[in-house]
Full PDB file with SEQRES, HELIX, SHEET, SSBOND, CRYST1, ORIGX, SCALE, CONECT and MASTER records, all heavy atoms in Angstrom:
SEQRES   1 A   32  GLY ALA SER THR GLY ASN TYR GLU ILE ASN ALA GLU TYR          
SEQRES   2 A   32  ALA PRO LEU ARG ARG ALA ALA ARG TRP VAL ASP ASP CYS          
SEQRES   3 A   32  CYS TYR PHE PHE ARG LEU                                      
HELIX    1 AA1 LEU A   16  ALA A   19  1                                   4    
HELIX    2 AA2 TRP A   22  PHE A   30  1                                   9    
CRYST1    1.000    1.000    1.000  90.00  90.00  90.00 P 1           1          
ORIGX1      1.000000  0.000000  0.000000        0.00000                         
ORIGX2      0.000000  1.000000  0.000000        0.00000                         
ORIGX3      0.000000  0.000000  1.000000        0.00000                         
SCALE1      1.000000  0.000000  0.000000        0.00000                         
SCALE2      0.000000  1.000000  0.000000        0.00000                         
SCALE3      0.000000  0.000000  1.000000        0.00000                         
ATOM      1  N   GLY A   1      18.581  -0.070 -11.201  1.00  0.00           N  
ATOM      2  CA  GLY A   1      18.748   0.543 -12.515  1.00  0.00           C  
ATOM      3  C   GLY A   1      17.467   0.835 -13.262  1.00  0.00           C  
ATOM      4  O   GLY A   1      17.458   0.842 -14.493  1.00  0.00           O  
ATOM      5  N   ALA A   2      16.382   1.127 -12.579  1.00  0.00           N  
ATOM      6  CA  ALA A   2      15.078   1.314 -13.229  1.00  0.00           C  
ATOM      7  C   ALA A   2      14.987   2.607 -14.026  1.00  0.00           C  
ATOM      8  O   ALA A   2      14.089   2.756 -14.849  1.00  0.00           O  
ATOM      9  CB  ALA A   2      13.965   1.271 -12.189  1.00  0.00           C  
ATOM     10  N   SER A   3      15.854   3.568 -13.760  1.00  0.00           N  
ATOM     11  CA  SER A   3      15.814   4.858 -14.449  1.00  0.00           C  
ATOM     12  C   SER A   3      14.432   5.499 -14.261  1.00  0.00           C  
ATOM     13  O   SER A   3      13.972   5.626 -13.136  1.00  0.00           O  
ATOM     14  CB  SER A   3      16.159   4.681 -15.930  1.00  0.00           C  
ATOM     15  OG  SER A   3      16.170   5.916 -16.612  1.00  0.00           O  
ATOM     16  N   THR A   4      13.754   5.883 -15.336  1.00  0.00           N  
ATOM     17  CA  THR A   4      12.437   6.498 -15.212  1.00  0.00           C  
ATOM     18  C   THR A   4      11.351   5.478 -14.898  1.00  0.00           C  
ATOM     19  O   THR A   4      10.237   5.847 -14.539  1.00  0.00           O  
ATOM     20  CB  THR A   4      12.047   7.219 -16.510  1.00  0.00           C  
ATOM     21  OG1 THR A   4      12.044   6.273 -17.580  1.00  0.00           O  
ATOM     22  CG2 THR A   4      13.023   8.345 -16.827  1.00  0.00           C  
ATOM     23  N   GLY A   5      11.669   4.192 -15.073  1.00  0.00           N  
ATOM     24  CA  GLY A   5      10.671   3.158 -14.846  1.00  0.00           C  
ATOM     25  C   GLY A   5       9.792   2.871 -16.047  1.00  0.00           C  
ATOM     26  O   GLY A   5       8.834   2.116 -15.946  1.00  0.00           O  
ATOM     27  N   ASN A   6      10.101   3.461 -17.190  1.00  0.00           N  
ATOM     28  CA  ASN A   6       9.291   3.258 -18.394  1.00  0.00           C  
ATOM     29  C   ASN A   6       9.585   1.911 -19.044  1.00  0.00           C  
ATOM     30  O   ASN A   6      10.687   1.371 -18.930  1.00  0.00           O  
ATOM     31  CB  ASN A   6       9.556   4.375 -19.406  1.00  0.00           C  
ATOM     32  CG  ASN A   6       9.073   5.723 -18.894  1.00  0.00           C  
ATOM     33  OD1 ASN A   6       8.211   5.792 -18.020  1.00  0.00           O  
ATOM     34  ND2 ASN A   6       9.630   6.780 -19.430  1.00  0.00           N  
ATOM     35  N   TYR A   7       8.602   1.410 -19.801  1.00  0.00           N  
ATOM     36  CA  TYR A   7       8.767   0.150 -20.512  1.00  0.00           C  
ATOM     37  C   TYR A   7       9.874   0.252 -21.556  1.00  0.00           C  
ATOM     38  O   TYR A   7      10.571  -0.726 -21.831  1.00  0.00           O  
ATOM     39  CB  TYR A   7       7.453  -0.246 -21.186  1.00  0.00           C  
ATOM     40  CG  TYR A   7       7.537  -1.558 -21.940  1.00  0.00           C  
ATOM     41  CD1 TYR A   7       7.527  -2.771 -21.251  1.00  0.00           C  
ATOM     42  CD2 TYR A   7       7.649  -1.584 -23.325  1.00  0.00           C  
ATOM     43  CE1 TYR A   7       7.615  -3.978 -21.924  1.00  0.00           C  
ATOM     44  CE2 TYR A   7       7.745  -2.787 -24.009  1.00  0.00           C  
ATOM     45  CZ  TYR A   7       7.723  -3.972 -23.312  1.00  0.00           C  
ATOM     46  OH  TYR A   7       7.827  -5.165 -23.982  1.00  0.00           O  
ATOM     47  N   GLU A   8      10.051   1.417 -22.150  1.00  0.00           N  
ATOM     48  CA  GLU A   8      11.101   1.616 -23.146  1.00  0.00           C  
ATOM     49  C   GLU A   8      12.469   1.224 -22.607  1.00  0.00           C  
ATOM     50  O   GLU A   8      13.341   0.744 -23.341  1.00  0.00           O  
ATOM     51  CB  GLU A   8      11.118   3.090 -23.572  1.00  0.00           C  
ATOM     52  CG  GLU A   8      12.202   3.451 -24.570  1.00  0.00           C  
ATOM     53  CD  GLU A   8      12.253   4.937 -24.860  1.00  0.00           C  
ATOM     54  OE1 GLU A   8      11.833   5.729 -23.985  1.00  0.00           O  
ATOM     55  OE2 GLU A   8      12.712   5.297 -25.940  1.00  0.00           O  
ATOM     56  N   ILE A   9      12.674   1.406 -21.317  1.00  0.00           N  
ATOM     57  CA  ILE A   9      13.961   1.151 -20.688  1.00  0.00           C  
ATOM     58  C   ILE A   9      13.987  -0.196 -19.984  1.00  0.00           C  
ATOM     59  O   ILE A   9      15.038  -0.828 -19.876  1.00  0.00           O  
ATOM     60  CB  ILE A   9      14.284   2.283 -19.689  1.00  0.00           C  
ATOM     61  CG1 ILE A   9      14.248   3.638 -20.399  1.00  0.00           C  
ATOM     62  CG2 ILE A   9      15.636   2.078 -19.032  1.00  0.00           C  
ATOM     63  CD1 ILE A   9      14.295   4.806 -19.469  1.00  0.00           C  
ATOM     64  N   ASN A  10      12.842  -0.639 -19.523  1.00  0.00           N  
ATOM     65  CA  ASN A  10      12.769  -1.852 -18.709  1.00  0.00           C  
ATOM     66  C   ASN A  10      11.790  -2.847 -19.323  1.00  0.00           C  
ATOM     67  O   ASN A  10      10.578  -2.592 -19.366  1.00  0.00           O  
ATOM     68  CB  ASN A  10      12.304  -1.503 -17.289  1.00  0.00           C  
ATOM     69  CG  ASN A  10      13.228  -0.525 -16.613  1.00  0.00           C  
ATOM     70  OD1 ASN A  10      14.209  -0.915 -15.994  1.00  0.00           O  
ATOM     71  ND2 ASN A  10      12.920   0.762 -16.707  1.00  0.00           N  
ATOM     72  N   ALA A  11      12.285  -3.977 -19.780  1.00  0.00           N  
ATOM     73  CA  ALA A  11      11.421  -4.977 -20.398  1.00  0.00           C  
ATOM     74  C   ALA A  11      10.424  -5.559 -19.390  1.00  0.00           C  
ATOM     75  O   ALA A  11       9.270  -5.833 -19.721  1.00  0.00           O  
ATOM     76  CB  ALA A  11      12.266  -6.092 -21.006  1.00  0.00           C  
ATOM     77  N   GLU A  12      10.879  -5.746 -18.161  1.00  0.00           N  
ATOM     78  CA  GLU A  12       9.986  -6.244 -17.107  1.00  0.00           C  
ATOM     79  C   GLU A  12       9.306  -5.047 -16.466  1.00  0.00           C  
ATOM     80  O   GLU A  12       9.724  -4.532 -15.434  1.00  0.00           O  
ATOM     81  CB  GLU A  12      10.778  -7.052 -16.074  1.00  0.00           C  
ATOM     82  CG  GLU A  12      11.446  -8.287 -16.631  1.00  0.00           C  
ATOM     83  CD  GLU A  12      10.426  -9.294 -17.148  1.00  0.00           C  
ATOM     84  OE1 GLU A  12       9.321  -9.372 -16.574  1.00  0.00           O  
ATOM     85  OE2 GLU A  12      10.735 -10.000 -18.122  1.00  0.00           O  
ATOM     86  N   TYR A  13       8.218  -4.612 -17.082  1.00  0.00           N  
ATOM     87  CA  TYR A  13       7.631  -3.315 -16.725  1.00  0.00           C  
ATOM     88  C   TYR A  13       6.655  -3.369 -15.560  1.00  0.00           C  
ATOM     89  O   TYR A  13       6.583  -2.443 -14.772  1.00  0.00           O  
ATOM     90  CB  TYR A  13       6.927  -2.724 -17.947  1.00  0.00           C  
ATOM     91  CG  TYR A  13       6.240  -1.408 -17.687  1.00  0.00           C  
ATOM     92  CD1 TYR A  13       6.975  -0.285 -17.307  1.00  0.00           C  
ATOM     93  CD2 TYR A  13       4.855  -1.284 -17.794  1.00  0.00           C  
ATOM     94  CE1 TYR A  13       6.346   0.933 -17.063  1.00  0.00           C  
ATOM     95  CE2 TYR A  13       4.225  -0.078 -17.555  1.00  0.00           C  
ATOM     96  CZ  TYR A  13       4.975   1.021 -17.194  1.00  0.00           C  
ATOM     97  OH  TYR A  13       4.358   2.219 -16.950  1.00  0.00           O  
ATOM     98  N   ALA A  14       5.900  -4.450 -15.435  1.00  0.00           N  
ATOM     99  CA  ALA A  14       4.785  -4.472 -14.486  1.00  0.00           C  
ATOM    100  C   ALA A  14       5.169  -4.044 -13.072  1.00  0.00           C  
ATOM    101  O   ALA A  14       4.483  -3.196 -12.475  1.00  0.00           O  
ATOM    102  CB  ALA A  14       4.138  -5.861 -14.472  1.00  0.00           C  
ATOM    103  N   PRO A  15       6.252  -4.557 -12.481  1.00  0.00           N  
ATOM    104  CA  PRO A  15       6.586  -4.141 -11.116  1.00  0.00           C  
ATOM    105  C   PRO A  15       7.006  -2.678 -11.011  1.00  0.00           C  
ATOM    106  O   PRO A  15       7.084  -2.142  -9.913  1.00  0.00           O  
ATOM    107  CB  PRO A  15       7.761  -5.056 -10.738  1.00  0.00           C  
ATOM    108  CG  PRO A  15       7.709  -6.175 -11.712  1.00  0.00           C  
ATOM    109  CD  PRO A  15       7.166  -5.590 -12.969  1.00  0.00           C  
ATOM    110  N   LEU A  16       7.290  -2.051 -12.161  1.00  0.00           N  
ATOM    111  CA  LEU A  16       7.801  -0.684 -12.130  1.00  0.00           C  
ATOM    112  C   LEU A  16       6.701   0.368 -12.170  1.00  0.00           C  
ATOM    113  O   LEU A  16       6.983   1.552 -12.066  1.00  0.00           O  
ATOM    114  CB  LEU A  16       8.748  -0.464 -13.319  1.00  0.00           C  
ATOM    115  CG  LEU A  16      10.100  -1.171 -13.197  1.00  0.00           C  
ATOM    116  CD1 LEU A  16      10.790  -1.235 -14.543  1.00  0.00           C  
ATOM    117  CD2 LEU A  16      10.980  -0.454 -12.192  1.00  0.00           C  
ATOM    118  N   ARG A  17       5.471  -0.052 -12.331  1.00  0.00           N  
ATOM    119  CA  ARG A  17       4.409   0.934 -12.521  1.00  0.00           C  
ATOM    120  C   ARG A  17       4.276   1.878 -11.337  1.00  0.00           C  
ATOM    121  O   ARG A  17       3.977   3.053 -11.488  1.00  0.00           O  
ATOM    122  CB  ARG A  17       3.081   0.227 -12.812  1.00  0.00           C  
ATOM    123  CG  ARG A  17       3.082  -0.418 -14.196  1.00  0.00           C  
ATOM    124  CD  ARG A  17       1.828  -1.223 -14.455  1.00  0.00           C  
ATOM    125  NE  ARG A  17       1.906  -1.856 -15.770  1.00  0.00           N  
ATOM    126  CZ  ARG A  17       1.139  -2.851 -16.157  1.00  0.00           C  
ATOM    127  NH1 ARG A  17       0.234  -3.346 -15.328  1.00  0.00           N  
ATOM    128  NH2 ARG A  17       1.274  -3.363 -17.359  1.00  0.00           N  
ATOM    129  N   ARG A  18       4.504   1.363 -10.147  1.00  0.00           N  
ATOM    130  CA  ARG A  18       4.467   2.241  -8.969  1.00  0.00           C  
ATOM    131  C   ARG A  18       5.732   3.077  -8.886  1.00  0.00           C  
ATOM    132  O   ARG A  18       5.681   4.272  -8.628  1.00  0.00           O  
ATOM    133  CB  ARG A  18       4.292   1.411  -7.692  1.00  0.00           C  
ATOM    134  CG  ARG A  18       2.901   0.831  -7.525  1.00  0.00           C  
ATOM    135  CD  ARG A  18       2.775   0.153  -6.189  1.00  0.00           C  
ATOM    136  NE  ARG A  18       2.922   1.103  -5.099  1.00  0.00           N  
ATOM    137  CZ  ARG A  18       3.269   0.763  -3.853  1.00  0.00           C  
ATOM    138  NH1 ARG A  18       3.500  -0.513  -3.563  1.00  0.00           N  
ATOM    139  NH2 ARG A  18       3.373   1.681  -2.920  1.00  0.00           N  
ATOM    140  N   ALA A  19       6.891   2.448  -9.102  1.00  0.00           N  
ATOM    141  CA  ALA A  19       8.154   3.178  -8.992  1.00  0.00           C  
ATOM    142  C   ALA A  19       8.251   4.286 -10.025  1.00  0.00           C  
ATOM    143  O   ALA A  19       8.912   5.302  -9.791  1.00  0.00           O  
ATOM    144  CB  ALA A  19       9.330   2.214  -9.133  1.00  0.00           C  
ATOM    145  N   ALA A  20       7.588   4.118 -11.171  1.00  0.00           N  
ATOM    146  CA  ALA A  20       7.647   5.137 -12.218  1.00  0.00           C  
ATOM    147  C   ALA A  20       7.026   6.454 -11.776  1.00  0.00           C  
ATOM    148  O   ALA A  20       7.237   7.483 -12.425  1.00  0.00           O  
ATOM    149  CB  ALA A  20       6.954   4.619 -13.482  1.00  0.00           C  
ATOM    150  N   ARG A  21       6.296   6.442 -10.685  1.00  0.00           N  
ATOM    151  CA  ARG A  21       5.714   7.682 -10.155  1.00  0.00           C  
ATOM    152  C   ARG A  21       6.770   8.629  -9.606  1.00  0.00           C  
ATOM    153  O   ARG A  21       6.471   9.784  -9.308  1.00  0.00           O  
ATOM    154  CB  ARG A  21       4.725   7.355  -9.027  1.00  0.00           C  
ATOM    155  CG  ARG A  21       3.578   6.447  -9.416  1.00  0.00           C  
ATOM    156  CD  ARG A  21       2.766   6.099  -8.182  1.00  0.00           C  
ATOM    157  NE  ARG A  21       1.754   5.090  -8.454  1.00  0.00           N  
ATOM    158  CZ  ARG A  21       0.971   4.553  -7.523  1.00  0.00           C  
ATOM    159  NH1 ARG A  21       1.094   4.932  -6.260  1.00  0.00           N  
ATOM    160  NH2 ARG A  21       0.076   3.635  -7.844  1.00  0.00           N  
ATOM    161  N   TRP A  22       7.986   8.130  -9.444  1.00  0.00           N  
ATOM    162  CA  TRP A  22       8.993   8.946  -8.766  1.00  0.00           C  
ATOM    163  C   TRP A  22       9.246  10.266  -9.495  1.00  0.00           C  
ATOM    164  O   TRP A  22       9.540  11.289  -8.832  1.00  0.00           O  
ATOM    165  CB  TRP A  22      10.296   8.173  -8.583  1.00  0.00           C  
ATOM    166  CG  TRP A  22      11.184   8.094  -9.787  1.00  0.00           C  
ATOM    167  CD1 TRP A  22      11.255   7.078 -10.692  1.00  0.00           C  
ATOM    168  CD2 TRP A  22      12.139   9.071 -10.211  1.00  0.00           C  
ATOM    169  NE1 TRP A  22      12.183   7.353 -11.667  1.00  0.00           N  
ATOM    170  CE2 TRP A  22      12.743   8.575 -11.398  1.00  0.00           C  
ATOM    171  CE3 TRP A  22      12.554  10.310  -9.725  1.00  0.00           C  
ATOM    172  CZ2 TRP A  22      13.725   9.278 -12.089  1.00  0.00           C  
ATOM    173  CZ3 TRP A  22      13.533  11.019 -10.419  1.00  0.00           C  
ATOM    174  CH2 TRP A  22      14.109  10.498 -11.587  1.00  0.00           C  
ATOM    175  N   VAL A  23       9.133  10.289 -10.825  1.00  0.00           N  
ATOM    176  CA  VAL A  23       9.399  11.534 -11.557  1.00  0.00           C  
ATOM    177  C   VAL A  23       8.399  12.611 -11.150  1.00  0.00           C  
ATOM    178  O   VAL A  23       8.780  13.750 -10.819  1.00  0.00           O  
ATOM    179  CB  VAL A  23       9.365  11.304 -13.079  1.00  0.00           C  
ATOM    180  CG1 VAL A  23       9.519  12.640 -13.812  1.00  0.00           C  
ATOM    181  CG2 VAL A  23      10.475  10.346 -13.505  1.00  0.00           C  
ATOM    182  N   ASP A  24       7.112  12.271 -11.145  1.00  0.00           N  
ATOM    183  CA  ASP A  24       6.094  13.235 -10.726  1.00  0.00           C  
ATOM    184  C   ASP A  24       6.310  13.676  -9.283  1.00  0.00           C  
ATOM    185  O   ASP A  24       6.197  14.866  -8.952  1.00  0.00           O  
ATOM    186  CB  ASP A  24       4.697  12.627 -10.866  1.00  0.00           C  
ATOM    187  CG  ASP A  24       4.232  12.548 -12.305  1.00  0.00           C  
ATOM    188  OD1 ASP A  24       4.743  13.320 -13.144  1.00  0.00           O  
ATOM    189  OD2 ASP A  24       3.366  11.704 -12.605  1.00  0.00           O  
ATOM    190  N   ASP A  25       6.620  12.710  -8.423  1.00  0.00           N  
ATOM    191  CA  ASP A  25       6.809  13.046  -7.007  1.00  0.00           C  
ATOM    192  C   ASP A  25       8.036  13.924  -6.808  1.00  0.00           C  
ATOM    193  O   ASP A  25       8.029  14.855  -5.993  1.00  0.00           O  
ATOM    194  CB  ASP A  25       6.942  11.768  -6.176  1.00  0.00           C  
ATOM    195  CG  ASP A  25       5.628  11.015  -6.050  1.00  0.00           C  
ATOM    196  OD1 ASP A  25       4.562  11.637  -6.241  1.00  0.00           O  
ATOM    197  OD2 ASP A  25       5.666   9.802  -5.766  1.00  0.00           O  
ATOM    198  N   CYS A  26       9.097  13.635  -7.545  1.00  0.00           N  
ATOM    199  CA  CYS A  26      10.310  14.438  -7.431  1.00  0.00           C  
ATOM    200  C   CYS A  26      10.059  15.859  -7.911  1.00  0.00           C  
ATOM    201  O   CYS A  26      10.505  16.830  -7.281  1.00  0.00           O  
ATOM    202  CB  CYS A  26      11.439  13.789  -8.228  1.00  0.00           C  
ATOM    203  SG  CYS A  26      13.038  14.607  -8.047  1.00  0.00           S  
ATOM    204  N   CYS A  27       9.335  16.006  -9.022  1.00  0.00           N  
ATOM    205  CA  CYS A  27       9.010  17.349  -9.525  1.00  0.00           C  
ATOM    206  C   CYS A  27       8.173  18.121  -8.510  1.00  0.00           C  
ATOM    207  O   CYS A  27       8.392  19.322  -8.290  1.00  0.00           O  
ATOM    208  CB  CYS A  27       8.269  17.250 -10.852  1.00  0.00           C  
ATOM    209  SG  CYS A  27       9.298  16.704 -12.236  1.00  0.00           S  
ATOM    210  N   TYR A  28       7.222  17.434  -7.883  1.00  0.00           N  
ATOM    211  CA  TYR A  28       6.413  18.085  -6.850  1.00  0.00           C  
ATOM    212  C   TYR A  28       7.304  18.564  -5.706  1.00  0.00           C  
ATOM    213  O   TYR A  28       7.158  19.701  -5.224  1.00  0.00           O  
ATOM    214  CB  TYR A  28       5.351  17.119  -6.316  1.00  0.00           C  
ATOM    215  CG  TYR A  28       4.427  17.743  -5.295  1.00  0.00           C  
ATOM    216  CD1 TYR A  28       3.225  18.325  -5.671  1.00  0.00           C  
ATOM    217  CD2 TYR A  28       4.779  17.771  -3.944  1.00  0.00           C  
ATOM    218  CE1 TYR A  28       2.380  18.919  -4.738  1.00  0.00           C  
ATOM    219  CE2 TYR A  28       3.951  18.356  -2.999  1.00  0.00           C  
ATOM    220  CZ  TYR A  28       2.754  18.923  -3.402  1.00  0.00           C  
ATOM    221  OH  TYR A  28       1.932  19.517  -2.467  1.00  0.00           O  
ATOM    222  N   PHE A  29       8.225  17.723  -5.276  1.00  0.00           N  
ATOM    223  CA  PHE A  29       9.134  18.098  -4.193  1.00  0.00           C  
ATOM    224  C   PHE A  29       9.991  19.294  -4.595  1.00  0.00           C  
ATOM    225  O   PHE A  29      10.122  20.263  -3.844  1.00  0.00           O  
ATOM    226  CB  PHE A  29      10.020  16.913  -3.827  1.00  0.00           C  
ATOM    227  CG  PHE A  29      10.969  17.186  -2.693  1.00  0.00           C  
ATOM    228  CD1 PHE A  29      10.531  17.187  -1.380  1.00  0.00           C  
ATOM    229  CD2 PHE A  29      12.308  17.449  -2.940  1.00  0.00           C  
ATOM    230  CE1 PHE A  29      11.405  17.444  -0.326  1.00  0.00           C  
ATOM    231  CE2 PHE A  29      13.192  17.708  -1.901  1.00  0.00           C  
ATOM    232  CZ  PHE A  29      12.734  17.699  -0.581  1.00  0.00           C  
ATOM    233  N   PHE A  30      10.563  19.273  -5.782  1.00  0.00           N  
ATOM    234  CA  PHE A  30      11.390  20.393  -6.240  1.00  0.00           C  
ATOM    235  C   PHE A  30      10.590  21.688  -6.290  1.00  0.00           C  
ATOM    236  O   PHE A  30      11.114  22.770  -6.002  1.00  0.00           O  
ATOM    237  CB  PHE A  30      11.983  20.097  -7.609  1.00  0.00           C  
ATOM    238  CG  PHE A  30      13.129  19.109  -7.602  1.00  0.00           C  
ATOM    239  CD1 PHE A  30      13.678  18.649  -8.802  1.00  0.00           C  
ATOM    240  CD2 PHE A  30      13.677  18.637  -6.416  1.00  0.00           C  
ATOM    241  CE1 PHE A  30      14.733  17.752  -8.810  1.00  0.00           C  
ATOM    242  CE2 PHE A  30      14.741  17.734  -6.413  1.00  0.00           C  
ATOM    243  CZ  PHE A  30      15.261  17.295  -7.624  1.00  0.00           C  
ATOM    244  N   ARG A  31       9.315  21.574  -6.661  1.00  0.00           N  
ATOM    245  CA  ARG A  31       8.506  22.794  -6.792  1.00  0.00           C  
ATOM    246  C   ARG A  31       8.190  23.442  -5.439  1.00  0.00           C  
ATOM    247  O   ARG A  31       7.698  24.575  -5.393  1.00  0.00           O  
ATOM    248  CB  ARG A  31       7.212  22.489  -7.564  1.00  0.00           C  
ATOM    249  CG  ARG A  31       7.476  22.308  -9.049  1.00  0.00           C  
ATOM    250  CD  ARG A  31       6.201  22.479  -9.885  1.00  0.00           C  
ATOM    251  NE  ARG A  31       6.552  22.494 -11.286  1.00  0.00           N  
ATOM    252  CZ  ARG A  31       6.558  21.442 -12.080  1.00  0.00           C  
ATOM    253  NH1 ARG A  31       6.241  20.248 -11.591  1.00  0.00           N  
ATOM    254  NH2 ARG A  31       6.883  21.553 -13.352  1.00  0.00           N  
ATOM    255  N   LEU A  32       8.487  22.755  -4.353  1.00  0.00           N  
ATOM    256  CA  LEU A  32       8.387  23.399  -3.041  1.00  0.00           C  
ATOM    257  C   LEU A  32       9.413  24.502  -2.899  1.00  0.00           C  
ATOM    258  O   LEU A  32       9.286  25.364  -2.012  1.00  0.00           O  
ATOM    259  CB  LEU A  32       8.608  22.355  -1.929  1.00  0.00           C  
ATOM    260  CG  LEU A  32       7.588  21.209  -1.842  1.00  0.00           C  
ATOM    261  CD1 LEU A  32       8.025  20.224  -0.760  1.00  0.00           C  
ATOM    262  CD2 LEU A  32       6.188  21.733  -1.569  1.00  0.00           C  
TER     263      LEU A  32                                                      
MASTER        0    0    0    2    0    0    0    6  262    1    0    3          
END                                                                             
């Protein structure tokens, strides 16, 4: 349930810093 991985949504933010990259990566993939 990490959603965007932002601290606003997830109180335990530190482990999510890598997973939060998914938005940028997904946008890059879509732009193909």
